[in-house]
Amino acid sequence: MYSDEIELPFDSIESAQDFMHVLAETVLDAMKDLNREHQMAVRDGLERRAKAIELAQFKAKMLSCYVHKSRIALNDLRMLRRLILNERLTVEKAMAAGD
């Protein structure tokens, strides 16, 4: 397999945004599951399990925040790319019109 044939998982900002969207949904689903598990552990008097789930909830919330920040950064990069490309196209059109 040639290096040109290898498909990169994030060959564009948009594909990275798609991945982050899926990751955000997955983290949200996991947080819902953890909430249910925590309620059951508390109800059943499983204090140690409840504490472990609380830690997992905290880590999932941290991950959710990181994903959210990453999505914002990717969106900013996409907007900047559009601005840069649009400016470049505008300059090229102006130069072509001046010739």
N, C-alpha and C. Protein backbone atom coordinates (compact mmCIF):
# COMPACT_ATOMS: atom_id res chain seq x y z
N MET A 1 0.84 -1.17 0.00
CA MET A 1 0.00 0.00 0.00
C MET A 1 0.89 1.24 0.00
N TYR A 2 0.65 2.12 -0.93
CA TYR A 2 1.41 3.35 -1.02
C TYR A 2 0.92 4.36 0.00
N SER A 3 1.80 5.28 0.36
CA SER A 3 1.43 6.28 1.36
C SER A 3 0.26 7.14 0.88
N ASP A 4 0.13 7.32 -0.43
CA ASP A 4 -0.99 8.10 -0.97
C ASP A 4 -2.32 7.38 -0.78
N GLU A 5 -2.28 6.05 -0.68
CA GLU A 5 -3.49 5.26 -0.56
C GLU A 5 -3.99 5.16 0.88
N ILE A 6 -3.15 5.50 1.83
CA ILE A 6 -3.55 5.40 3.23
C ILE A 6 -4.53 6.53 3.53
N GLU A 7 -5.69 6.13 4.03
CA GLU A 7 -6.70 7.14 4.35
C GLU A 7 -6.48 7.63 5.77
N LEU A 8 -6.34 8.92 5.91
CA LEU A 8 -6.14 9.51 7.22
C LEU A 8 -7.50 9.76 7.86
N PRO A 9 -7.61 9.51 9.18
CA PRO A 9 -8.90 9.69 9.83
C PRO A 9 -9.35 11.15 9.88
N PHE A 10 -8.40 12.07 9.90
CA PHE A 10 -8.73 13.49 9.96
C PHE A 10 -8.04 14.21 8.82
N ASP A 11 -8.51 13.95 7.61
CA ASP A 11 -7.89 14.58 6.46
C ASP A 11 -8.41 16.00 6.23
N SER A 12 -9.37 16.42 7.06
CA SER A 12 -9.86 17.79 6.96
C SER A 12 -10.39 18.24 8.32
N ILE A 13 -10.56 19.53 8.45
CA ILE A 13 -11.14 20.07 9.69
C ILE A 13 -12.55 19.51 9.86
N GLU A 14 -13.28 19.40 8.77
CA GLU A 14 -14.65 18.90 8.84
C GLU A 14 -14.72 17.46 9.33
N SER A 15 -13.78 16.62 8.92
CA SER A 15 -13.80 15.23 9.40
C SER A 15 -13.46 15.17 10.88
N ALA A 16 -12.58 16.05 11.33
CA ALA A 16 -12.28 16.13 12.77
C ALA A 16 -13.49 16.63 13.53
N GLN A 17 -14.23 17.58 12.95
CA GLN A 17 -15.45 18.07 13.59
C GLN A 17 -16.49 16.95 13.70
N ASP A 18 -16.61 16.14 12.66
CA ASP A 18 -17.54 15.01 12.70
C ASP A 18 -17.17 14.05 13.83
N PHE A 19 -15.89 13.76 13.95
CA PHE A 19 -15.43 12.87 15.01
C PHE A 19 -15.76 13.46 16.38
N MET A 20 -15.49 14.75 16.56
CA MET A 20 -15.75 15.38 17.85
C MET A 20 -17.24 15.38 18.17
N HIS A 21 -18.08 15.49 17.16
CA HIS A 21 -19.53 15.42 17.37
C HIS A 21 -19.92 14.04 17.88
N VAL A 22 -19.39 13.01 17.25
CA VAL A 22 -19.68 11.63 17.68
C VAL A 22 -19.14 11.41 19.10
N LEU A 23 -17.94 11.89 19.36
CA LEU A 23 -17.35 11.75 20.70
C LEU A 23 -18.21 12.45 21.74
N ALA A 24 -18.69 13.65 21.44
CA ALA A 24 -19.54 14.39 22.38
C ALA A 24 -20.81 13.61 22.69
N GLU A 25 -21.43 13.03 21.67
CA GLU A 25 -22.64 12.23 21.88
C GLU A 25 -22.35 11.00 22.73
N THR A 26 -21.22 10.35 22.47
CA THR A 26 -20.84 9.16 23.22
C THR A 26 -20.58 9.49 24.68
N VAL A 27 -19.90 10.59 24.93
CA VAL A 27 -19.63 11.01 26.31
C VAL A 27 -20.95 11.32 27.02
N LEU A 28 -21.86 11.99 26.33
CA LEU A 28 -23.16 12.31 26.93
C LEU A 28 -23.93 11.03 27.28
N ASP A 29 -23.91 10.06 26.38
CA ASP A 29 -24.56 8.77 26.66
C ASP A 29 -23.92 8.09 27.87
N ALA A 30 -22.60 8.12 27.94
CA ALA A 30 -21.89 7.51 29.06
C ALA A 30 -22.25 8.22 30.37
N MET A 31 -22.38 9.53 30.32
CA MET A 31 -22.74 10.28 31.53
C MET A 31 -24.15 9.91 32.00
N LYS A 32 -25.06 9.71 31.06
CA LYS A 32 -26.42 9.28 31.43
C LYS A 32 -26.38 7.90 32.08
N ASP A 33 -25.60 6.98 31.49
CA ASP A 33 -25.46 5.64 32.06
C ASP A 33 -24.86 5.70 33.46
N LEU A 34 -23.84 6.53 33.62
CA LEU A 34 -23.20 6.67 34.94
C LEU A 34 -24.17 7.23 35.96
N ASN A 35 -25.02 8.15 35.54
CA ASN A 35 -26.01 8.71 36.45
C ASN A 35 -26.97 7.62 36.94
N ARG A 36 -27.44 6.78 36.02
CA ARG A 36 -28.33 5.67 36.40
C ARG A 36 -27.61 4.70 37.33
N GLU A 37 -26.37 4.37 36.99
CA GLU A 37 -25.59 3.44 37.83
C GLU A 37 -25.37 4.02 39.23
N HIS A 38 -25.12 5.32 39.29
CA HIS A 38 -24.90 5.97 40.59
C HIS A 38 -26.17 5.91 41.43
N GLN A 39 -27.30 6.20 40.82
CA GLN A 39 -28.57 6.14 41.55
C GLN A 39 -28.83 4.74 42.09
N MET A 40 -28.54 3.72 41.30
CA MET A 40 -28.74 2.34 41.75
C MET A 40 -27.78 2.00 42.89
N ALA A 41 -26.53 2.43 42.78
CA ALA A 41 -25.55 2.15 43.83
C ALA A 41 -25.95 2.81 45.14
N VAL A 42 -26.42 4.05 45.08
CA VAL A 42 -26.86 4.75 46.29
C VAL A 42 -28.08 4.05 46.87
N ARG A 43 -29.02 3.70 46.01
CA ARG A 43 -30.24 3.02 46.46
C ARG A 43 -29.92 1.68 47.14
N ASP A 44 -28.93 0.96 46.59
CA ASP A 44 -28.56 -0.35 47.13
C ASP A 44 -27.57 -0.26 48.28
N GLY A 45 -27.17 0.95 48.65
CA GLY A 45 -26.24 1.12 49.77
C GLY A 45 -24.80 0.73 49.46
N LEU A 46 -24.43 0.76 48.20
CA LEU A 46 -23.07 0.41 47.79
C LEU A 46 -22.22 1.68 47.74
N GLU A 47 -21.77 2.10 48.92
CA GLU A 47 -21.08 3.38 49.05
C GLU A 47 -19.79 3.44 48.23
N ARG A 48 -19.01 2.38 48.29
CA ARG A 48 -17.73 2.38 47.55
C ARG A 48 -17.97 2.46 46.04
N ARG A 49 -18.95 1.70 45.57
CA ARG A 49 -19.29 1.75 44.14
C ARG A 49 -19.80 3.14 43.76
N ALA A 50 -20.61 3.72 44.60
CA ALA A 50 -21.14 5.06 44.33
C ALA A 50 -20.01 6.08 44.23
N LYS A 51 -19.02 5.98 45.12
CA LYS A 51 -17.88 6.90 45.08
C LYS A 51 -17.07 6.71 43.79
N ALA A 52 -16.89 5.46 43.39
CA ALA A 52 -16.15 5.19 42.16
C ALA A 52 -16.89 5.76 40.95
N ILE A 53 -18.19 5.62 40.96
CA ILE A 53 -18.99 6.16 39.86
C ILE A 53 -18.94 7.68 39.86
N GLU A 54 -18.92 8.30 41.03
CA GLU A 54 -18.79 9.76 41.12
C GLU A 54 -17.48 10.22 40.49
N LEU A 55 -16.42 9.47 40.72
CA LEU A 55 -15.14 9.81 40.10
C LEU A 55 -15.23 9.68 38.57
N ALA A 56 -15.87 8.60 38.12
CA ALA A 56 -16.06 8.41 36.68
C ALA A 56 -16.91 9.54 36.09
N GLN A 57 -17.92 9.98 36.83
CA GLN A 57 -18.75 11.09 36.37
C GLN A 57 -17.92 12.37 36.24
N PHE A 58 -17.07 12.60 37.22
CA PHE A 58 -16.20 13.78 37.19
C PHE A 58 -15.28 13.74 35.97
N LYS A 59 -14.68 12.59 35.72
CA LYS A 59 -13.77 12.45 34.57
C LYS A 59 -14.53 12.60 33.25
N ALA A 60 -15.73 12.06 33.18
CA ALA A 60 -16.54 12.20 31.97
C ALA A 60 -16.92 13.66 31.74
N LYS A 61 -17.22 14.37 32.82
CA LYS A 61 -17.55 15.79 32.70
C LYS A 61 -16.33 16.58 32.21
N MET A 62 -15.15 16.25 32.73
CA MET A 62 -13.93 16.90 32.25
C MET A 62 -13.73 16.64 30.76
N LEU A 63 -13.91 15.39 30.35
CA LEU A 63 -13.77 15.04 28.94
C LEU A 63 -14.78 15.81 28.09
N SER A 64 -15.99 15.92 28.58
CA SER A 64 -17.01 16.67 27.86
C SER A 64 -16.59 18.12 27.67
N CYS A 65 -16.00 18.71 28.69
CA CYS A 65 -15.52 20.10 28.58
C CYS A 65 -14.40 20.21 27.55
N TYR A 66 -13.47 19.25 27.56
CA TYR A 66 -12.37 19.27 26.59
C TYR A 66 -12.91 19.11 25.16
N VAL A 67 -13.88 18.23 25.00
CA VAL A 67 -14.46 18.03 23.67
C VAL A 67 -15.15 19.31 23.21
N HIS A 68 -15.88 19.95 24.11
CA HIS A 68 -16.56 21.20 23.76
C HIS A 68 -15.55 22.26 23.33
N LYS A 69 -14.48 22.40 24.09
CA LYS A 69 -13.44 23.39 23.74
C LYS A 69 -12.78 23.04 22.41
N SER A 70 -12.57 21.76 22.17
CA SER A 70 -11.96 21.33 20.90
C SER A 70 -12.88 21.63 19.73
N ARG A 71 -14.18 21.43 19.93
CA ARG A 71 -15.13 21.73 18.87
C ARG A 71 -15.13 23.23 18.54
N ILE A 72 -15.02 24.05 19.56
CA ILE A 72 -14.95 25.50 19.34
C ILE A 72 -13.68 25.85 18.57
N ALA A 73 -12.55 25.26 18.98
CA ALA A 73 -11.27 25.53 18.30
C ALA A 73 -11.33 25.09 16.84
N LEU A 74 -11.90 23.92 16.57
CA LEU A 74 -12.02 23.46 15.19
C LEU A 74 -12.91 24.38 14.37
N ASN A 75 -13.99 24.84 14.97
CA ASN A 75 -14.87 25.77 14.26
C ASN A 75 -14.13 27.08 13.95
N ASP A 76 -13.36 27.56 14.92
CA ASP A 76 -12.57 28.78 14.70
C ASP A 76 -11.58 28.58 13.56
N LEU A 77 -10.92 27.43 13.55
CA LEU A 77 -9.96 27.14 12.47
C LEU A 77 -10.64 27.08 11.12
N ARG A 78 -11.81 26.49 11.08
CA ARG A 78 -12.56 26.40 9.83
C ARG A 78 -12.93 27.80 9.33
N MET A 79 -13.39 28.65 10.24
CA MET A 79 -13.74 30.02 9.86
C MET A 79 -12.52 30.80 9.39
N LEU A 80 -11.40 30.64 10.09
CA LEU A 80 -10.17 31.32 9.68
C LEU A 80 -9.70 30.85 8.31
N ARG A 81 -9.80 29.55 8.08
CA ARG A 81 -9.42 29.01 6.77
C ARG A 81 -10.27 29.63 5.68
N ARG A 82 -11.57 29.75 5.93
CA ARG A 82 -12.45 30.36 4.94
C ARG A 82 -12.08 31.82 4.69
N LEU A 83 -11.78 32.53 5.77
CA LEU A 83 -11.36 33.94 5.62
C LEU A 83 -10.07 34.05 4.81
N ILE A 84 -9.11 33.21 5.14
CA ILE A 84 -7.82 33.24 4.45
C ILE A 84 -8.00 32.89 2.98
N LEU A 85 -8.74 31.83 2.70
CA LEU A 85 -8.94 31.43 1.31
C LEU A 85 -9.73 32.48 0.54
N ASN A 86 -10.71 33.07 1.17
CA ASN A 86 -11.50 34.11 0.51
C ASN A 86 -10.64 35.32 0.21
N GLU A 87 -9.79 35.72 1.15
CA GLU A 87 -8.89 36.85 0.91
C GLU A 87 -7.93 36.53 -0.22
N ARG A 88 -7.42 35.31 -0.24
CA ARG A 88 -6.49 34.92 -1.29
C ARG A 88 -7.19 34.96 -2.64
N LEU A 89 -8.42 34.45 -2.69
CA LEU A 89 -9.16 34.46 -3.95
C LEU A 89 -9.46 35.89 -4.39
N THR A 90 -9.77 36.75 -3.43
CA THR A 90 -10.05 38.15 -3.75
C THR A 90 -8.81 38.84 -4.32
N VAL A 91 -7.65 38.60 -3.71
CA VAL A 91 -6.40 39.19 -4.21
C VAL A 91 -6.08 38.66 -5.60
N GLU A 92 -6.26 37.35 -5.80
CA GLU A 92 -5.98 36.76 -7.11
C GLU A 92 -6.91 37.33 -8.17
N LYS A 93 -8.19 37.53 -7.83
CA LYS A 93 -9.14 38.11 -8.79
C LYS A 93 -8.76 39.55 -9.12
N ALA A 94 -8.35 40.30 -8.11
CA ALA A 94 -7.95 41.69 -8.32
C ALA A 94 -6.72 41.77 -9.22
N MET A 95 -5.77 40.86 -8.99
CA MET A 95 -4.55 40.86 -9.80
C MET A 95 -4.88 40.46 -11.24
N ALA A 96 -5.77 39.49 -11.40
CA ALA A 96 -6.15 39.05 -12.74
C ALA A 96 -6.90 40.16 -13.47
N ALA A 97 -7.71 40.91 -12.76
CA ALA A 97 -8.46 42.00 -13.38
C ALA A 97 -7.55 43.15 -13.77
N GLY A 98 -6.45 43.33 -13.03
CA GLY A 98 -5.51 44.41 -13.31
C GLY A 98 -4.61 44.12 -14.49
N ASP A 99 -4.51 42.87 -14.90
CA ASP A 99 -3.62 42.50 -16.02
C ASP A 99 -4.15 42.88 -17.35
